[in-house]
Amino acid sequence: MEIDVDYVARLARIEIAPEKLEQLRRDMAAIVGYIDELKECDVTGIEPTAHAAKLCNVWREDVPGEPYAREEMLANAPAVIQGELIKVPQVLPGEGMN
């Protein structure tokens, strides 16, 4: 199976060095080949699962407590705007805020 690594890289928005393309193409083809092998397994009577091991949530009681002081919480932030807001890296283009 021939995989278009350039196309996959564009979809993932990553750059791949030209010297790595052929190796990545072979690796991806091997992965797809392995998945094709798995399709040949008889799974009749096996219930589908999302995880290999059974998972369960552990819940704790929701007990109200004293809130932290604003200054104490903001002291842990890497950057603060006007002493009120936590400054985070820009996510969307064109939304500059100082």
N, C-alpha and C. Protein backbone atom coordinates (compact mmCIF):
# COMPACT_ATOMS: atom_id res chain seq x y z
N MET A 1 0.85 -1.18 0.00
CA MET A 1 0.00 0.00 0.00
C MET A 1 0.89 1.24 0.00
N GLU A 2 0.62 2.16 -0.87
CA GLU A 2 1.38 3.41 -0.98
C GLU A 2 0.68 4.50 -0.18
N ILE A 3 1.39 5.10 0.76
CA ILE A 3 0.83 6.14 1.61
C ILE A 3 1.44 7.48 1.23
N ASP A 4 0.59 8.48 1.04
CA ASP A 4 1.04 9.83 0.69
C ASP A 4 1.41 10.57 1.98
N VAL A 5 2.67 10.45 2.37
CA VAL A 5 3.14 11.03 3.62
C VAL A 5 3.05 12.55 3.59
N ASP A 6 3.30 13.15 2.43
CA ASP A 6 3.19 14.62 2.32
C ASP A 6 1.77 15.08 2.65
N TYR A 7 0.79 14.36 2.15
CA TYR A 7 -0.61 14.70 2.41
C TYR A 7 -0.94 14.56 3.89
N VAL A 8 -0.50 13.46 4.49
CA VAL A 8 -0.75 13.24 5.91
C VAL A 8 -0.07 14.33 6.75
N ALA A 9 1.14 14.70 6.38
CA ALA A 9 1.87 15.76 7.10
C ALA A 9 1.14 17.09 6.99
N ARG A 10 0.60 17.39 5.82
CA ARG A 10 -0.16 18.65 5.67
C ARG A 10 -1.42 18.62 6.53
N LEU A 11 -2.11 17.49 6.59
CA LEU A 11 -3.30 17.37 7.44
C LEU A 11 -2.94 17.57 8.91
N ALA A 12 -1.79 17.04 9.32
CA ALA A 12 -1.35 17.14 10.71
C ALA A 12 -0.65 18.47 10.98
N ARG A 13 -0.44 19.24 9.93
CA ARG A 13 0.26 20.53 10.03
C ARG A 13 1.64 20.38 10.66
N ILE A 14 2.39 19.40 10.15
CA ILE A 14 3.75 19.20 10.61
C ILE A 14 4.69 19.19 9.42
N GLU A 15 5.93 19.56 9.68
CA GLU A 15 6.95 19.51 8.63
C GLU A 15 7.79 18.27 8.85
N ILE A 16 8.07 17.57 7.77
CA ILE A 16 8.89 16.37 7.84
C ILE A 16 10.09 16.59 6.94
N ALA A 17 11.26 16.35 7.47
CA ALA A 17 12.50 16.52 6.70
C ALA A 17 12.46 15.56 5.50
N PRO A 18 12.89 16.04 4.34
CA PRO A 18 12.84 15.19 3.13
C PRO A 18 13.55 13.85 3.30
N GLU A 19 14.64 13.83 4.07
CA GLU A 19 15.38 12.57 4.24
C GLU A 19 14.62 11.58 5.13
N LYS A 20 13.60 12.01 5.84
CA LYS A 20 12.81 11.14 6.71
C LYS A 20 11.56 10.60 6.03
N LEU A 21 11.20 11.15 4.87
CA LEU A 21 9.94 10.78 4.21
C LEU A 21 9.85 9.30 3.87
N GLU A 22 10.88 8.74 3.29
CA GLU A 22 10.83 7.35 2.85
C GLU A 22 10.72 6.40 4.04
N GLN A 23 11.48 6.66 5.10
CA GLN A 23 11.40 5.81 6.28
C GLN A 23 10.01 5.89 6.91
N LEU A 24 9.46 7.10 6.98
CA LEU A 24 8.12 7.27 7.54
C LEU A 24 7.07 6.57 6.67
N ARG A 25 7.25 6.63 5.36
CA ARG A 25 6.33 5.94 4.44
C ARG A 25 6.35 4.44 4.69
N ARG A 26 7.55 3.87 4.88
CA ARG A 26 7.66 2.42 5.15
C ARG A 26 7.03 2.08 6.50
N ASP A 27 7.29 2.92 7.52
CA ASP A 27 6.73 2.67 8.84
C ASP A 27 5.20 2.71 8.81
N MET A 28 4.63 3.69 8.14
CA MET A 28 3.17 3.81 8.07
C MET A 28 2.57 2.64 7.30
N ALA A 29 3.24 2.21 6.23
CA ALA A 29 2.75 1.07 5.46
C ALA A 29 2.77 -0.20 6.32
N ALA A 30 3.80 -0.35 7.17
CA ALA A 30 3.87 -1.51 8.06
C ALA A 30 2.74 -1.50 9.08
N ILE A 31 2.42 -0.30 9.59
CA ILE A 31 1.32 -0.18 10.56
C ILE A 31 -0.01 -0.55 9.91
N VAL A 32 -0.25 -0.03 8.71
CA VAL A 32 -1.50 -0.34 8.01
C VAL A 32 -1.55 -1.83 7.67
N GLY A 33 -0.41 -2.40 7.30
CA GLY A 33 -0.35 -3.83 7.02
C GLY A 33 -0.69 -4.66 8.25
N TYR A 34 -0.22 -4.23 9.41
CA TYR A 34 -0.53 -4.94 10.65
C TYR A 34 -2.02 -4.85 10.95
N ILE A 35 -2.62 -3.71 10.71
CA ILE A 35 -4.06 -3.56 10.93
C ILE A 35 -4.83 -4.48 9.99
N ASP A 36 -4.36 -4.61 8.75
CA ASP A 36 -5.00 -5.53 7.81
C ASP A 36 -4.92 -6.97 8.31
N GLU A 37 -3.79 -7.33 8.96
CA GLU A 37 -3.66 -8.67 9.53
C GLU A 37 -4.68 -8.88 10.65
N LEU A 38 -4.90 -7.84 11.45
CA LEU A 38 -5.86 -7.96 12.55
C LEU A 38 -7.28 -8.17 12.04
N LYS A 39 -7.58 -7.66 10.85
CA LYS A 39 -8.92 -7.84 10.28
C LYS A 39 -9.22 -9.31 10.00
N GLU A 40 -8.18 -10.11 9.86
CA GLU A 40 -8.36 -11.53 9.56
C GLU A 40 -8.70 -12.35 10.80
N CYS A 41 -8.54 -11.79 12.00
CA CYS A 41 -8.81 -12.52 13.24
C CYS A 41 -10.31 -12.73 13.42
N ASP A 42 -10.66 -13.91 13.90
CA ASP A 42 -12.06 -14.21 14.18
C ASP A 42 -12.40 -13.65 15.56
N VAL A 43 -13.26 -12.66 15.60
CA VAL A 43 -13.65 -12.03 16.86
C VAL A 43 -15.12 -12.31 17.18
N THR A 44 -15.65 -13.37 16.63
CA THR A 44 -17.03 -13.75 16.88
C THR A 44 -17.22 -13.99 18.37
N GLY A 45 -18.23 -13.35 18.95
CA GLY A 45 -18.55 -13.55 20.35
C GLY A 45 -17.71 -12.72 21.31
N ILE A 46 -16.83 -11.89 20.79
CA ILE A 46 -16.01 -11.03 21.66
C ILE A 46 -16.66 -9.65 21.71
N GLU A 47 -16.95 -9.20 22.91
CA GLU A 47 -17.61 -7.90 23.09
C GLU A 47 -16.61 -6.77 22.84
N PRO A 48 -17.01 -5.77 22.03
CA PRO A 48 -16.11 -4.65 21.78
C PRO A 48 -15.85 -3.87 23.07
N THR A 49 -14.63 -3.37 23.20
CA THR A 49 -14.27 -2.56 24.37
C THR A 49 -13.53 -1.31 23.92
N ALA A 50 -13.51 -0.32 24.78
CA ALA A 50 -12.76 0.90 24.48
C ALA A 50 -11.36 0.84 25.07
N HIS A 51 -11.16 -0.03 26.08
CA HIS A 51 -9.88 -0.13 26.75
C HIS A 51 -9.52 -1.60 26.96
N ALA A 52 -8.25 -1.88 27.03
CA ALA A 52 -7.81 -3.26 27.25
C ALA A 52 -8.08 -3.70 28.68
N ALA A 53 -8.02 -2.76 29.62
CA ALA A 53 -8.28 -3.07 31.02
C ALA A 53 -9.56 -2.36 31.45
N LYS A 54 -10.30 -3.00 32.36
CA LYS A 54 -11.54 -2.40 32.84
C LYS A 54 -11.21 -1.15 33.65
N LEU A 55 -11.89 -0.07 33.34
CA LEU A 55 -11.68 1.19 34.04
C LEU A 55 -12.93 1.56 34.82
N CYS A 56 -12.74 2.17 35.95
CA CYS A 56 -13.88 2.68 36.70
C CYS A 56 -13.47 3.99 37.36
N ASN A 57 -14.43 4.87 37.52
CA ASN A 57 -14.16 6.16 38.15
C ASN A 57 -14.16 6.02 39.66
N VAL A 58 -13.29 6.76 40.29
CA VAL A 58 -13.26 6.84 41.74
C VAL A 58 -13.71 8.24 42.09
N TRP A 59 -14.83 8.34 42.77
CA TRP A 59 -15.41 9.65 43.10
C TRP A 59 -15.14 9.97 44.56
N ARG A 60 -14.93 11.24 44.83
CA ARG A 60 -14.81 11.68 46.21
C ARG A 60 -16.01 12.55 46.55
N GLU A 61 -16.26 12.71 47.80
CA GLU A 61 -17.36 13.56 48.23
C GLU A 61 -17.08 15.00 47.84
N ASP A 62 -18.09 15.69 47.39
CA ASP A 62 -17.97 17.10 47.04
C ASP A 62 -18.27 17.92 48.30
N VAL A 63 -17.20 18.25 49.02
CA VAL A 63 -17.33 18.94 50.29
C VAL A 63 -16.91 20.39 50.11
N PRO A 64 -17.79 21.34 50.41
CA PRO A 64 -17.41 22.74 50.27
C PRO A 64 -16.33 23.11 51.29
N GLY A 65 -15.45 24.00 50.88
CA GLY A 65 -14.37 24.44 51.76
C GLY A 65 -14.12 25.92 51.55
N GLU A 66 -13.10 26.41 52.20
CA GLU A 66 -12.75 27.82 52.07
C GLU A 66 -12.01 28.03 50.74
N PRO A 67 -12.42 29.02 49.97
CA PRO A 67 -11.72 29.28 48.71
C PRO A 67 -10.37 29.93 48.97
N TYR A 68 -9.46 29.77 48.02
CA TYR A 68 -8.17 30.43 48.11
C TYR A 68 -8.33 31.91 47.82
N ALA A 69 -7.46 32.71 48.38
CA ALA A 69 -7.47 34.15 48.10
C ALA A 69 -7.01 34.38 46.67
N ARG A 70 -7.59 35.37 46.00
CA ARG A 70 -7.25 35.69 44.61
C ARG A 70 -5.75 35.92 44.46
N GLU A 71 -5.15 36.68 45.38
CA GLU A 71 -3.73 37.00 45.28
C GLU A 71 -2.88 35.73 45.38
N GLU A 72 -3.31 34.80 46.22
CA GLU A 72 -2.58 33.54 46.39
C GLU A 72 -2.63 32.71 45.11
N MET A 73 -3.78 32.66 44.47
CA MET A 73 -3.91 31.91 43.22
C MET A 73 -3.13 32.57 42.09
N LEU A 74 -3.24 33.89 41.97
CA LEU A 74 -2.54 34.58 40.89
C LEU A 74 -1.03 34.57 41.08
N ALA A 75 -0.56 34.38 42.30
CA ALA A 75 0.88 34.31 42.55
C ALA A 75 1.50 33.10 41.86
N ASN A 76 0.72 32.08 41.59
CA ASN A 76 1.22 30.87 40.92
C ASN A 76 1.18 30.98 39.40
N ALA A 77 0.53 32.00 38.85
CA ALA A 77 0.39 32.14 37.41
C ALA A 77 1.72 32.62 36.80
N PRO A 78 2.04 32.15 35.59
CA PRO A 78 3.29 32.59 34.95
C PRO A 78 3.26 34.07 34.58
N ALA A 79 2.09 34.62 34.27
CA ALA A 79 1.96 36.04 33.93
C ALA A 79 0.53 36.47 34.24
N VAL A 80 0.39 37.73 34.65
CA VAL A 80 -0.92 38.27 35.04
C VAL A 80 -1.14 39.58 34.30
N ILE A 81 -2.40 39.83 33.90
CA ILE A 81 -2.78 41.07 33.22
C ILE A 81 -3.55 41.93 34.21
N GLN A 82 -3.06 43.12 34.48
CA GLN A 82 -3.71 44.10 35.33
C GLN A 82 -4.10 43.53 36.70
N GLY A 83 -3.32 42.58 37.21
CA GLY A 83 -3.58 42.02 38.51
C GLY A 83 -4.88 41.24 38.63
N GLU A 84 -5.53 40.96 37.50
CA GLU A 84 -6.85 40.31 37.51
C GLU A 84 -6.92 39.00 36.74
N LEU A 85 -6.23 38.94 35.60
CA LEU A 85 -6.39 37.82 34.68
C LEU A 85 -5.09 37.07 34.50
N ILE A 86 -5.19 35.77 34.27
CA ILE A 86 -4.01 34.97 33.97
C ILE A 86 -3.73 35.09 32.48
N LYS A 87 -2.50 35.46 32.13
CA LYS A 87 -2.13 35.61 30.72
C LYS A 87 -1.66 34.25 30.20
N VAL A 88 -2.25 33.83 29.08
CA VAL A 88 -1.91 32.55 28.45
C VAL A 88 -1.40 32.82 27.05
N PRO A 89 -0.69 31.87 26.44
CA PRO A 89 -0.22 32.07 25.06
C PRO A 89 -1.42 32.28 24.12
N GLN A 90 -1.20 33.10 23.10
CA GLN A 90 -2.25 33.39 22.12
C GLN A 90 -2.65 32.11 21.40
N VAL A 91 -3.96 31.90 21.27
CA VAL A 91 -4.49 30.71 20.62
C VAL A 91 -5.02 31.05 19.23
N LEU A 92 -5.79 32.11 19.11
CA LEU A 92 -6.37 32.50 17.84
C LEU A 92 -5.63 33.70 17.28
N PRO A 93 -5.41 33.74 15.97
CA PRO A 93 -4.70 34.87 15.39
C PRO A 93 -5.52 36.16 15.49
N GLY A 94 -4.84 37.28 15.70
CA GLY A 94 -5.49 38.57 15.69
C GLY A 94 -6.15 38.96 17.01
N GLU A 95 -5.87 38.24 18.07
CA GLU A 95 -6.46 38.57 19.35
C GLU A 95 -5.38 39.02 20.32
N GLY A 96 -4.63 40.06 19.94
CA GLY A 96 -3.56 40.55 20.79
C GLY A 96 -4.12 41.29 21.99
N MET A 97 -3.60 40.98 23.18
CA MET A 97 -4.02 41.65 24.39
C MET A 97 -2.80 41.83 25.28
N ASN A 98 -2.56 43.02 25.75
CA ASN A 98 -1.37 43.27 26.57
C ASN A 98 -1.72 43.31 28.03
